[in-house]
C-alpha atoms as a PDB file:
ATOM      1  CA  MET A   1     -22.885 -18.094  -8.288  1.00  0.00           C
ATOM      2  CA  PRO A   2     -22.921 -15.895  -5.435  1.00  0.00           C
ATOM      3  CA  PRO A   3     -20.896 -12.174  -5.929  1.00  0.00           C
ATOM      4  CA  ASN A   4     -17.469 -11.736  -4.880  1.00  0.00           C
ATOM      5  CA  ARG A   5     -17.931 -10.241  -1.338  1.00  0.00           C
ATOM      6  CA  TYR A   6     -14.475  -8.386  -1.841  1.00  0.00           C
ATOM      7  CA  ASN A   7     -16.169  -6.357  -4.859  1.00  0.00           C
ATOM      8  CA  THR A   8     -18.515  -4.978  -2.806  1.00  0.00           C
ATOM      9  CA  MET A   9     -16.353  -4.017   0.529  1.00  0.00           C
ATOM     10  CA  THR A  10     -16.605  -0.749   1.714  1.00  0.00           C
ATOM     11  CA  GLY A  11     -13.415   1.542   3.224  1.00  0.00           C
ATOM     12  CA  THR A  12     -10.608   2.892   1.693  1.00  0.00           C
ATOM     13  CA  PRO A  13      -7.684   1.469  -0.200  1.00  0.00           C
ATOM     14  CA  GLY A  14      -4.650  -0.188   2.239  1.00  0.00           C
ATOM     15  CA  PRO A  15      -2.934  -1.849   3.333  1.00  0.00           C
ATOM     16  CA  PHE A  16      -2.769  -0.052   6.471  1.00  0.00           C
ATOM     17  CA  GLN A  17       0.490  -0.185   8.898  1.00  0.00           C
ATOM     18  CA  ILE A  18       0.180  -1.471  12.602  1.00  0.00           C
ATOM     19  CA  ILE A  19       2.293   0.836  14.600  1.00  0.00           C
ATOM     20  CA  ASN A  20       3.165  -0.405  18.222  1.00  0.00           C
ATOM     21  CA  ASN A  21       3.653   2.681  19.921  1.00  0.00           C
ATOM     22  CA  ARG A  22       4.043   1.206  23.488  1.00  0.00           C
ATOM     23  CA  LEU A  23       7.107   2.899  24.838  1.00  0.00           C
ATOM     24  CA  LEU A  24       8.971   2.349  28.343  1.00  0.00           C
ATOM     25  CA  PRO A  25       9.789   5.498  30.457  1.00  0.00           C
ATOM     26  CA  ASP A  26      13.282   5.408  28.924  1.00  0.00           C
ATOM     27  CA  GLY A  27      11.648   5.528  25.619  1.00  0.00           C
ATOM     28  CA  LYS A  28      12.838   1.955  24.694  1.00  0.00           C
ATOM     29  CA  PRO A  29       9.626  -0.228  22.813  1.00  0.00           C
ATOM     30  CA  ALA A  30       7.468  -2.235  25.427  1.00  0.00           C
ATOM     31  CA  VAL A  31       8.156  -6.027  25.520  1.00  0.00           C
ATOM     32  CA  SER A  32       5.206  -8.180  26.582  1.00  0.00           C
ATOM     33  CA  SER A  33       5.621 -11.916  27.482  1.00  0.00           C
ATOM     34  CA  THR A  34       1.836 -12.505  26.300  1.00  0.00           C
ATOM     35  CA  PRO A  35       1.213 -13.294  22.605  1.00  0.00           C
ATOM     36  CA  ILE A  36       0.682 -10.864  20.416  1.00  0.00           C
ATOM     37  CA  THR A  37      -2.943 -11.280  18.573  1.00  0.00           C
ATOM     38  CA  PRO A  38      -2.334 -11.533  14.874  1.00  0.00           C
ATOM     39  CA  PRO A  39      -3.521  -8.679  12.633  1.00  0.00           C
ATOM     40  CA  ARG A  40      -6.654  -8.934  10.723  1.00  0.00           C
ATOM     41  CA  ARG A  41      -5.984 -10.145   7.255  1.00  0.00           C
ATOM     42  CA  ARG A  42      -8.051 -11.023   4.253  1.00  0.00           C
ATOM     43  CA  TYR A  43      -5.540 -13.920   2.613  1.00  0.00           C
ATOM     44  CA  SER A  44      -8.356 -14.662  -0.276  1.00  0.00           C
ATOM     45  CA  CYS A  45      -7.952 -10.944  -1.507  1.00  0.00           C
ATOM     46  CA  GLU A  46      -6.630 -10.696  -4.844  1.00  0.00           C
ATOM     47  CA  ASN A  47      -4.447  -7.673  -3.857  1.00  0.00           C
ATOM     48  CA  TYR A  48      -3.373  -9.785  -0.500  1.00  0.00           C
ATOM     49  CA  GLU A  49       0.443 -10.499  -2.219  1.00  0.00           C
ATOM     50  CA  THR A  50       0.806  -6.757  -3.279  1.00  0.00           C
ATOM     51  CA  CYS A  51       0.001  -5.521   0.199  1.00  0.00           C
ATOM     52  CA  LEU A  52       2.803  -7.768   1.591  1.00  0.00           C
ATOM     53  CA  ASP A  53       5.310  -6.435  -0.840  1.00  0.00           C
ATOM     54  CA  LEU A  54       4.071  -2.696  -0.060  1.00  0.00           C
ATOM     55  CA  ALA A  55       4.556  -3.576   3.441  1.00  0.00           C
ATOM     56  CA  CYS A  56       8.097  -5.436   2.499  1.00  0.00           C
ATOM     57  CA  SER A  57       9.015  -2.472   0.543  1.00  0.00           C
ATOM     58  CA  LEU A  58       8.157   0.121   3.197  1.00  0.00           C
ATOM     59  CA  ASN A  59       9.996  -1.765   5.717  1.00  0.00           C
ATOM     60  CA  TRP A  60       6.701  -2.296   7.705  1.00  0.00           C
ATOM     61  CA  ASP A  61       6.706  -4.620  11.013  1.00  0.00           C
ATOM     62  CA  SER A  62       3.110  -5.365  10.420  1.00  0.00           C
ATOM     63  CA  PHE A  63       0.106  -4.569   8.575  1.00  0.00           C
ATOM     64  CA  THR A  64      -3.452  -5.061   8.680  1.00  0.00           C
ATOM     65  CA  CYS A  65      -6.729  -5.154   6.343  1.00  0.00           C
ATOM     66  CA  ARG A  66      -9.234  -3.894   8.552  1.00  0.00           C
ATOM     67  CA  GLY A  67     -11.242  -1.423   6.971  1.00  0.00           C
ATOM     68  CA  CYS A  68      -9.442  -1.989   3.626  1.00  0.00           C
ATOM     69  CA  SER A  69     -11.569  -1.649   0.600  1.00  0.00           C
ATOM     70  CA  GLY A  70      -9.553  -4.349  -1.378  1.00  0.00           C
ATOM     71  CA  LYS A  71      -7.941  -1.966  -3.307  1.00  0.00           C
ATOM     72  CA  ILE A  72      -4.328  -0.965  -3.527  1.00  0.00           C
ATOM     73  CA  ASN A  73      -3.595   2.834  -1.700  1.00  0.00           C
ATOM     74  CA  LYS A  74      -1.901   4.691  -5.113  1.00  0.00           C
ATOM     75  CA  ALA A  75      -0.169   6.866  -2.475  1.00  0.00           C
ATOM     76  CA  LEU A  76       1.624   3.812  -0.897  1.00  0.00           C
ATOM     77  CA  LEU A  77       2.613   2.597  -3.954  1.00  0.00           C
ATOM     78  CA  TRP A  78       4.173   5.560  -5.219  1.00  0.00           C
ATOM     79  CA  GLN A  79       5.956   5.463  -1.788  1.00  0.00           C
ATOM     80  CA  ALA A  80       6.834   1.952  -2.193  1.00  0.00           C
ATOM     81  CA  HIS A  81       8.669   2.760  -5.598  1.00  0.00           C
ATOM     82  CA  GLN A  82      10.738   5.644  -4.180  1.00  0.00           C
ATOM     83  CA  ALA A  83      11.925   3.372  -1.117  1.00  0.00           C
ATOM     84  CA  ARG A  84      13.116   0.342  -3.562  1.00  0.00           C
ATOM     85  CA  LYS A  85      15.097   2.805  -5.014  1.00  0.00           C
ATOM     86  CA  SER A  86      17.692   3.016  -2.216  1.00  0.00           C
ATOM     87  CA  ASP A  87      16.822  -0.589  -0.756  1.00  0.00           C
ATOM     88  CA  LEU A  88      18.593  -3.398  -2.911  1.00  0.00           C
ATOM     89  CA  ILE A  89      16.888  -6.115  -0.676  1.00  0.00           C
ATOM     90  CA  ALA A  90      13.506  -4.668  -1.461  1.00  0.00           C
ATOM     91  CA  ARG A  91      14.295  -4.535  -4.987  1.00  0.00           C
ATOM     92  CA  LYS A  92      14.842  -8.141  -5.346  1.00  0.00           C
ATOM     93  CA  ILE A  93      12.564  -9.594  -3.184  1.00  0.00           C
ATOM     94  CA  CYS A  94       9.576  -7.249  -3.563  1.00  0.00           C
ATOM     95  CA  SER A  95       7.261  -7.344  -6.663  1.00  0.00           C
ATOM     96  CA  ILE A  96       5.214  -4.114  -6.678  1.00  0.00           C
ATOM     97  CA  PRO A  97       2.711  -3.568  -9.691  1.00  0.00           C
ATOM     98  CA  ALA A  98       4.331  -0.457 -12.357  1.00  0.00           C
ATOM     99  CA  ILE A  99       3.011   3.169 -12.071  1.00  0.00           C
ATOM    100  CA  GLN A 100       2.392   4.254 -15.583  1.00  0.00           C
ATOM    101  CA  MET A 101       2.297   8.015 -16.772  1.00  0.00           C
ATOM    102  CA  LEU A 102      -0.732   8.324 -19.199  1.00  0.00           C
ATOM    103  CA  LYS A 103      -0.963  11.463 -21.553  1.00  0.00           C
ATOM    104  CA  GLN A 104      -4.255  12.883 -21.987  1.00  0.00           C
ATOM    105  CA  LYS A 105      -4.719  15.609 -24.713  1.00  0.00           C
ATOM    106  CA  PRO A 106      -3.476  19.052 -24.319  1.00  0.00           C
ATOM    107  CA  VAL A 107      -5.262  21.092 -21.610  1.00  0.00           C
ATOM    108  CA  GLU A 108      -5.946  24.671 -22.773  1.00  0.00           C
ATOM    109  CA  GLU A 109      -6.329  27.104 -20.042  1.00  0.00           C
ATOM    110  CA  LYS A 110      -5.836  30.988 -21.051  1.00  0.00           C
ATOM    111  CA  GLY A 111      -4.279  30.547 -24.269  1.00  0.00           C
ATOM    112  CA  CYS A 112      -1.729  28.008 -23.279  1.00  0.00           C
ATOM    113  CA  THR A 113      -1.506  24.521 -24.094  1.00  0.00           C
ATOM    114  CA  ALA A 114       0.105  21.769 -21.875  1.00  0.00           C
ATOM    115  CA  PRO A 115       0.117  18.196 -21.522  1.00  0.00           C
ATOM    116  CA  ALA A 116      -1.808  16.985 -18.887  1.00  0.00           C
ATOM    117  CA  THR A 117      -0.343  13.633 -17.504  1.00  0.00           C
ATOM    118  CA  LEU A 118      -2.093  11.025 -14.834  1.00  0.00           C
ATOM    119  CA  LEU A 119      -0.766   8.345 -12.401  1.00  0.00           C
ATOM    120  CA  MET A 120      -2.222   5.098 -13.845  1.00  0.00           C
ATOM    121  CA  VAL A 121      -1.551   1.702 -11.702  1.00  0.00           C
ATOM    122  CA  LYS A 122      -1.291  -1.311 -13.943  1.00  0.00           C
ATOM    123  CA  SER A 123      -3.785  -3.948 -13.253  1.00  0.00           C
END
């Protein structure tokens, strides 16, 4: 069986927001009569639905998978959790992975003992 091509992708964790920054002189967004080229997406990626929910939670107009490693950007996941706190609709329709706090053994520095915590994404 051939290896899964998404396990060998290079790039950085995604998704990536598409920003249409074309503005008219009066500051309004430019509207074009030509069809917009759809963004590059990897529909068979195991994280595709999660990326859709991240884009929804963050109120993005669109996103692309171009340059993505097939993994979820943990910073975007945290931002999506924060955005969902104030958006009732996103809380109802978006399902994003939970962020778990894992505790490690206490770290000793200069005689001080303090618990160290890590943010981990539940797979």
